Amino acid sequence: QVQLVESGGGLVQAGGSLRLSCAASGRAFRVYRSGWFRQAPGKGREYVAGVDWSGGGTKYADSVKGRFTISRDNAKNTVYLQLNSLKPEDTAVYYCAADASFGPATDRPEDYDYWGQGTQVTVSS
């Protein structure tokens, strides 16, 4: 069993940056691929970025490529999402997800078994 806790959200002006963290319980987290999704008010859940268990393989949504970076520190059981050049349309609740798999980073929410509670990111114009 893995529990995920996100942090690092907040209010930022357009063009600014934030760093989200997803801290996981469980010693085996290093073998879990992980991902970030987001959900804006009135919209469905949207894939943002994913990383494989090693951190060497990543996958991004087109809308965030070149602006967001996903990484992980398995020694700290933590996955990060660096958000740069933020836009008002990035405003959403950001969720961390994990899946016990050695597979590649995946953008399919059904591949993930564990989800965090989310952290709010608000970008003002």
N, C-alpha and C. Protein backbone atom coordinates (compact mmCIF):
# COMPACT_ATOMS: atom_id res chain seq x y z
N GLN A 1 0.84 -1.19 0.00
CA GLN A 1 0.00 0.00 0.00
C GLN A 1 0.87 1.24 0.00
N VAL A 2 0.49 2.21 -0.78
CA VAL A 2 1.23 3.47 -0.88
C VAL A 2 0.28 4.62 -0.63
N GLN A 3 0.73 5.57 0.17
CA GLN A 3 -0.03 6.81 0.37
C GLN A 3 0.76 7.96 -0.22
N LEU A 4 0.08 8.83 -0.93
CA LEU A 4 0.71 9.95 -1.61
C LEU A 4 0.19 11.27 -1.04
N VAL A 5 1.11 12.19 -0.77
CA VAL A 5 0.73 13.50 -0.24
C VAL A 5 1.42 14.58 -1.07
N GLU A 6 0.60 15.40 -1.73
CA GLU A 6 1.14 16.49 -2.54
C GLU A 6 1.31 17.75 -1.70
N SER A 7 2.26 18.57 -2.13
CA SER A 7 2.46 19.88 -1.50
C SER A 7 3.11 20.81 -2.53
N GLY A 8 3.16 22.09 -2.18
CA GLY A 8 3.85 23.05 -3.02
C GLY A 8 2.96 23.92 -3.89
N GLY A 9 1.66 23.66 -3.86
CA GLY A 9 0.76 24.50 -4.63
C GLY A 9 0.64 25.88 -4.04
N GLY A 10 -0.02 26.77 -4.78
CA GLY A 10 -0.21 28.12 -4.28
C GLY A 10 -0.67 29.06 -5.37
N LEU A 11 -0.62 30.35 -5.06
CA LEU A 11 -1.02 31.41 -5.98
C LEU A 11 0.23 32.06 -6.55
N VAL A 12 0.28 32.16 -7.87
CA VAL A 12 1.45 32.74 -8.51
C VAL A 12 0.98 33.57 -9.71
N GLN A 13 1.75 34.57 -10.05
CA GLN A 13 1.42 35.37 -11.23
C GLN A 13 1.85 34.65 -12.51
N ALA A 14 1.19 34.99 -13.58
CA ALA A 14 1.56 34.43 -14.88
C ALA A 14 3.04 34.68 -15.15
N GLY A 15 3.70 33.65 -15.67
CA GLY A 15 5.13 33.73 -15.91
C GLY A 15 5.97 33.22 -14.75
N GLY A 16 5.33 33.01 -13.62
CA GLY A 16 6.05 32.56 -12.44
C GLY A 16 6.27 31.06 -12.41
N SER A 17 6.80 30.59 -11.30
CA SER A 17 7.16 29.17 -11.15
C SER A 17 6.70 28.63 -9.81
N LEU A 18 6.47 27.33 -9.79
CA LEU A 18 6.18 26.59 -8.58
C LEU A 18 6.85 25.23 -8.68
N ARG A 19 7.09 24.63 -7.53
CA ARG A 19 7.59 23.25 -7.50
C ARG A 19 6.68 22.42 -6.63
N LEU A 20 6.03 21.46 -7.25
CA LEU A 20 5.16 20.55 -6.53
C LEU A 20 5.94 19.32 -6.09
N SER A 21 5.59 18.81 -4.92
CA SER A 21 6.20 17.60 -4.40
C SER A 21 5.12 16.57 -4.12
N CYS A 22 5.48 15.32 -4.30
CA CYS A 22 4.59 14.21 -3.98
C CYS A 22 5.38 13.24 -3.13
N ALA A 23 5.08 13.24 -1.84
CA ALA A 23 5.80 12.37 -0.91
C ALA A 23 5.02 11.07 -0.73
N ALA A 24 5.71 9.96 -0.84
CA ALA A 24 5.07 8.66 -0.76
C ALA A 24 5.52 7.88 0.45
N SER A 25 4.60 7.17 1.04
CA SER A 25 4.94 6.24 2.11
C SER A 25 5.26 4.89 1.47
N GLY A 26 5.93 4.05 2.19
CA GLY A 26 6.21 2.72 1.64
C GLY A 26 7.63 2.61 1.10
N ARG A 27 8.34 1.59 1.54
CA ARG A 27 9.74 1.43 1.15
C ARG A 27 9.89 1.06 -0.31
N ALA A 28 8.87 0.51 -0.95
CA ALA A 28 9.00 0.03 -2.32
C ALA A 28 8.66 1.09 -3.35
N PHE A 29 8.52 2.33 -2.93
CA PHE A 29 8.10 3.36 -3.87
C PHE A 29 9.06 3.51 -5.03
N ARG A 30 10.33 3.15 -4.82
CA ARG A 30 11.32 3.32 -5.87
C ARG A 30 10.99 2.48 -7.10
N VAL A 31 10.12 1.50 -6.98
CA VAL A 31 9.77 0.68 -8.13
C VAL A 31 8.41 1.07 -8.70
N TYR A 32 7.89 2.22 -8.31
CA TYR A 32 6.62 2.69 -8.82
C TYR A 32 6.82 3.75 -9.87
N ARG A 33 6.20 3.57 -11.04
CA ARG A 33 6.15 4.70 -11.95
C ARG A 33 5.12 5.69 -11.42
N SER A 34 5.30 6.96 -11.75
CA SER A 34 4.47 8.01 -11.17
C SER A 34 4.03 9.02 -12.23
N GLY A 35 2.99 9.74 -11.90
CA GLY A 35 2.50 10.73 -12.84
C GLY A 35 1.82 11.88 -12.13
N TRP A 36 1.63 12.95 -12.86
CA TRP A 36 0.87 14.11 -12.39
C TRP A 36 -0.29 14.34 -13.35
N PHE A 37 -1.45 14.58 -12.77
CA PHE A 37 -2.64 14.94 -13.51
C PHE A 37 -3.17 16.24 -12.92
N ARG A 38 -4.08 16.89 -13.63
CA ARG A 38 -4.69 18.10 -13.08
C ARG A 38 -6.15 18.16 -13.50
N GLN A 39 -6.91 18.90 -12.71
CA GLN A 39 -8.33 19.09 -13.02
C GLN A 39 -8.71 20.52 -12.72
N ALA A 40 -9.12 21.23 -13.75
CA ALA A 40 -9.57 22.61 -13.62
C ALA A 40 -11.07 22.62 -13.32
N PRO A 41 -11.58 23.69 -12.74
CA PRO A 41 -13.01 23.77 -12.43
C PRO A 41 -13.86 23.54 -13.67
N GLY A 42 -14.82 22.64 -13.56
CA GLY A 42 -15.73 22.39 -14.67
C GLY A 42 -15.15 21.55 -15.80
N LYS A 43 -13.93 21.05 -15.61
CA LYS A 43 -13.29 20.26 -16.66
C LYS A 43 -12.92 18.87 -16.15
N GLY A 44 -12.61 17.99 -17.06
CA GLY A 44 -12.21 16.65 -16.70
C GLY A 44 -10.75 16.58 -16.29
N ARG A 45 -10.35 15.43 -15.78
CA ARG A 45 -8.96 15.24 -15.39
C ARG A 45 -8.07 15.19 -16.62
N GLU A 46 -6.94 15.86 -16.53
CA GLU A 46 -6.03 15.98 -17.66
C GLU A 46 -4.64 15.49 -17.27
N TYR A 47 -4.05 14.70 -18.12
CA TYR A 47 -2.69 14.23 -17.89
C TYR A 47 -1.71 15.38 -18.04
N VAL A 48 -0.69 15.42 -17.19
CA VAL A 48 0.33 16.46 -17.25
C VAL A 48 1.70 15.86 -17.59
N ALA A 49 2.16 14.93 -16.75
CA ALA A 49 3.50 14.37 -16.96
C ALA A 49 3.62 13.05 -16.22
N GLY A 50 4.52 12.21 -16.69
CA GLY A 50 4.77 10.93 -16.04
C GLY A 50 6.26 10.60 -16.06
N VAL A 51 6.65 9.73 -15.14
CA VAL A 51 8.05 9.31 -15.04
C VAL A 51 8.09 7.83 -14.69
N ASP A 52 9.07 7.12 -15.24
CA ASP A 52 9.17 5.70 -14.91
C ASP A 52 9.84 5.53 -13.55
N TRP A 53 10.01 4.28 -13.12
CA TRP A 53 10.49 4.01 -11.78
C TRP A 53 11.90 4.53 -11.55
N SER A 54 12.72 4.58 -12.62
CA SER A 54 14.11 4.98 -12.46
C SER A 54 14.30 6.49 -12.55
N GLY A 55 13.33 7.16 -13.12
CA GLY A 55 13.48 8.59 -13.37
C GLY A 55 14.08 8.90 -14.73
N GLY A 56 14.50 7.86 -15.43
CA GLY A 56 15.15 8.06 -16.72
C GLY A 56 14.21 8.24 -17.88
N GLY A 57 12.97 7.83 -17.72
CA GLY A 57 11.99 7.95 -18.78
C GLY A 57 10.86 8.87 -18.37
N THR A 58 10.56 9.85 -19.20
CA THR A 58 9.49 10.80 -18.89
C THR A 58 8.57 10.98 -20.09
N LYS A 59 7.39 11.48 -19.81
CA LYS A 59 6.39 11.70 -20.87
C LYS A 59 5.58 12.91 -20.46
N TYR A 60 5.37 13.84 -21.40
CA TYR A 60 4.66 15.08 -21.09
C TYR A 60 3.48 15.30 -22.02
N ALA A 61 2.48 15.98 -21.49
CA ALA A 61 1.41 16.47 -22.33
C ALA A 61 1.94 17.60 -23.20
N ASP A 62 1.42 17.72 -24.40
CA ASP A 62 1.89 18.76 -25.31
C ASP A 62 1.74 20.16 -24.71
N SER A 63 0.70 20.33 -23.91
CA SER A 63 0.41 21.65 -23.36
C SER A 63 1.45 22.13 -22.35
N VAL A 64 2.28 21.22 -21.83
CA VAL A 64 3.24 21.62 -20.81
C VAL A 64 4.69 21.37 -21.23
N LYS A 65 4.89 20.76 -22.38
CA LYS A 65 6.26 20.47 -22.84
C LYS A 65 7.08 21.74 -22.91
N GLY A 66 8.30 21.66 -22.39
CA GLY A 66 9.18 22.81 -22.39
C GLY A 66 8.98 23.76 -21.24
N ARG A 67 7.89 23.57 -20.48
CA ARG A 67 7.61 24.44 -19.33
C ARG A 67 7.66 23.67 -18.01
N PHE A 68 7.19 22.44 -18.02
CA PHE A 68 7.14 21.63 -16.80
C PHE A 68 8.20 20.53 -16.88
N THR A 69 8.72 20.16 -15.70
CA THR A 69 9.69 19.07 -15.64
C THR A 69 9.34 18.15 -14.49
N ILE A 70 9.22 16.86 -14.78
CA ILE A 70 8.97 15.87 -13.74
C ILE A 70 10.28 15.18 -13.40
N SER A 71 10.48 14.91 -12.12
CA SER A 71 11.68 14.21 -11.67
C SER A 71 11.34 13.44 -10.40
N ARG A 72 12.28 12.62 -9.96
CA ARG A 72 12.04 11.87 -8.74
C ARG A 72 13.34 11.66 -7.98
N ASP A 73 13.21 11.52 -6.68
CA ASP A 73 14.32 11.19 -5.81
C ASP A 73 13.89 9.96 -5.01
N ASN A 74 14.29 8.80 -5.46
CA ASN A 74 13.82 7.57 -4.82
C ASN A 74 14.36 7.42 -3.40
N ALA A 75 15.50 8.03 -3.11
CA ALA A 75 16.03 7.97 -1.75
C ALA A 75 15.11 8.72 -0.78
N LYS A 76 14.36 9.69 -1.31
CA LYS A 76 13.44 10.47 -0.48
C LYS A 76 11.99 10.08 -0.72
N ASN A 77 11.77 9.05 -1.55
CA ASN A 77 10.39 8.63 -1.86
C ASN A 77 9.54 9.80 -2.33
N THR A 78 10.09 10.62 -3.19
CA THR A 78 9.41 11.84 -3.60
C THR A 78 9.51 12.04 -5.11
N VAL A 79 8.40 12.46 -5.68
CA VAL A 79 8.34 12.86 -7.08
C VAL A 79 8.06 14.35 -7.13
N TYR A 80 8.69 15.04 -8.06
CA TYR A 80 8.56 16.49 -8.17
C TYR A 80 7.97 16.88 -9.52
N LEU A 81 7.33 18.03 -9.54
CA LEU A 81 6.90 18.63 -10.79
C LEU A 81 7.26 20.11 -10.72
N GLN A 82 8.24 20.49 -11.52
CA GLN A 82 8.66 21.89 -11.62
C GLN A 82 7.80 22.56 -12.68
N LEU A 83 7.12 23.62 -12.28
CA LEU A 83 6.23 24.34 -13.18
C LEU A 83 6.83 25.72 -13.45
N ASN A 84 7.24 25.96 -14.68
CA ASN A 84 7.80 27.24 -15.08
C ASN A 84 6.91 27.91 -16.12
N SER A 85 7.11 29.20 -16.30
CA SER A 85 6.35 29.96 -17.31
C SER A 85 4.86 29.68 -17.19
N LEU A 86 4.36 29.77 -15.99
CA LEU A 86 2.96 29.41 -15.75
C LEU A 86 2.00 30.36 -16.43
N LYS A 87 0.88 29.80 -16.86
CA LYS A 87 -0.16 30.54 -17.55
C LYS A 87 -1.47 30.41 -16.76
N PRO A 88 -2.39 31.35 -16.91
CA PRO A 88 -3.67 31.23 -16.21
C PRO A 88 -4.38 29.91 -16.50
N GLU A 89 -4.20 29.38 -17.69
CA GLU A 89 -4.86 28.11 -18.04
C GLU A 89 -4.24 26.90 -17.34
N ASP A 90 -3.14 27.11 -16.62
CA ASP A 90 -2.56 26.04 -15.81
C ASP A 90 -3.25 25.93 -14.45
N THR A 91 -4.14 26.85 -14.15
CA THR A 91 -4.87 26.82 -12.89
C THR A 91 -5.69 25.54 -12.78
N ALA A 92 -5.46 24.79 -11.70
CA ALA A 92 -6.13 23.51 -11.51
C ALA A 92 -5.70 22.92 -10.18
N VAL A 93 -6.38 21.86 -9.79
CA VAL A 93 -5.89 21.01 -8.70
C VAL A 93 -4.98 19.97 -9.34
N TYR A 94 -3.79 19.85 -8.82
CA TYR A 94 -2.81 18.91 -9.36
C TYR A 94 -2.74 17.67 -8.47
N TYR A 95 -2.83 16.52 -9.10
CA TYR A 95 -2.84 15.24 -8.40
C TYR A 95 -1.63 14.40 -8.78
N CYS A 96 -1.06 13.77 -7.77
CA CYS A 96 0.02 12.82 -7.99
C CYS A 96 -0.58 11.42 -8.03
N ALA A 97 0.00 10.56 -8.85
CA ALA A 97 -0.47 9.18 -8.95
C ALA A 97 0.72 8.24 -9.06
N ALA A 98 0.52 6.98 -8.64
CA ALA A 98 1.60 6.00 -8.67
C ALA A 98 1.06 4.62 -9.03
N ASP A 99 1.95 3.84 -9.62
CA ASP A 99 1.58 2.50 -10.07
C ASP A 99 2.79 1.60 -9.88
N ALA A 100 2.61 0.44 -9.23
CA ALA A 100 3.72 -0.47 -8.98
C ALA A 100 4.08 -1.20 -10.26
N SER A 101 4.97 -0.58 -11.03
CA SER A 101 5.30 -1.16 -12.33
C SER A 101 6.68 -0.69 -12.78
N PHE A 102 7.38 -1.59 -13.47
CA PHE A 102 8.65 -1.23 -14.10
C PHE A 102 8.43 -0.72 -15.53
N GLY A 103 7.17 -0.52 -15.90
CA GLY A 103 6.86 -0.08 -17.24
C GLY A 103 7.24 1.36 -17.49
N PRO A 104 7.10 1.81 -18.73
CA PRO A 104 7.44 3.19 -19.07
C PRO A 104 6.42 4.17 -18.48
N ALA A 105 6.77 5.44 -18.49
CA ALA A 105 5.83 6.48 -18.07
C ALA A 105 4.55 6.37 -18.90
N THR A 106 3.43 6.55 -18.24
CA THR A 106 2.15 6.37 -18.92
C THR A 106 1.23 7.55 -18.67
N ASP A 107 0.42 7.86 -19.69
CA ASP A 107 -0.53 8.97 -19.57
C ASP A 107 -1.96 8.46 -19.34
N ARG A 108 -2.11 7.18 -19.10
CA ARG A 108 -3.44 6.60 -18.91
C ARG A 108 -3.79 6.57 -17.42
N PRO A 109 -4.82 7.30 -16.98
CA PRO A 109 -5.16 7.30 -15.56
C PRO A 109 -5.51 5.91 -15.04
N GLU A 110 -6.04 5.05 -15.90
CA GLU A 110 -6.42 3.71 -15.46
C GLU A 110 -5.21 2.85 -15.13
N ASP A 111 -4.02 3.28 -15.50
CA ASP A 111 -2.80 2.53 -15.18
C ASP A 111 -2.34 2.77 -13.74
N TYR A 112 -2.88 3.78 -13.11
CA TYR A 112 -2.41 4.17 -11.78
C TYR A 112 -3.33 3.62 -10.68
N ASP A 113 -2.72 3.04 -9.67
CA ASP A 113 -3.47 2.44 -8.57
C ASP A 113 -3.63 3.38 -7.37
N TYR A 114 -2.73 4.32 -7.22
CA TYR A 114 -2.73 5.17 -6.03
C TYR A 114 -2.76 6.64 -6.44
N TRP A 115 -3.54 7.41 -5.68
CA TRP A 115 -3.72 8.82 -5.97
C TRP A 115 -3.61 9.64 -4.69
N GLY A 116 -3.07 10.85 -4.82
CA GLY A 116 -3.05 11.76 -3.71
C GLY A 116 -4.31 12.59 -3.66
N GLN A 117 -4.37 13.48 -2.67
CA GLN A 117 -5.56 14.31 -2.46
C GLN A 117 -5.55 15.58 -3.29
N GLY A 118 -4.41 15.93 -3.83
CA GLY A 118 -4.33 17.09 -4.71
C GLY A 118 -3.82 18.34 -4.01
N THR A 119 -3.23 19.22 -4.82
CA THR A 119 -2.78 20.53 -4.33
C THR A 119 -3.19 21.58 -5.36
N GLN A 120 -3.71 22.70 -4.87
CA GLN A 120 -4.25 23.73 -5.75
C GLN A 120 -3.14 24.62 -6.30
N VAL A 121 -3.17 24.82 -7.59
CA VAL A 121 -2.30 25.79 -8.26
C VAL A 121 -3.19 26.83 -8.92
N THR A 122 -2.96 28.09 -8.57
CA THR A 122 -3.74 29.18 -9.15
C THR A 122 -2.78 30.19 -9.77
N VAL A 123 -2.99 30.47 -11.06
CA VAL A 123 -2.14 31.39 -11.79
C VAL A 123 -2.96 32.61 -12.17
N SER A 124 -2.56 33.76 -11.67
CA SER A 124 -3.29 35.00 -11.96
C SER A 124 -2.68 35.69 -13.18
N SER A 125 -3.54 36.38 -13.90
CA SER A 125 -3.08 37.06 -15.13
C SER A 125 -2.62 38.47 -14.84
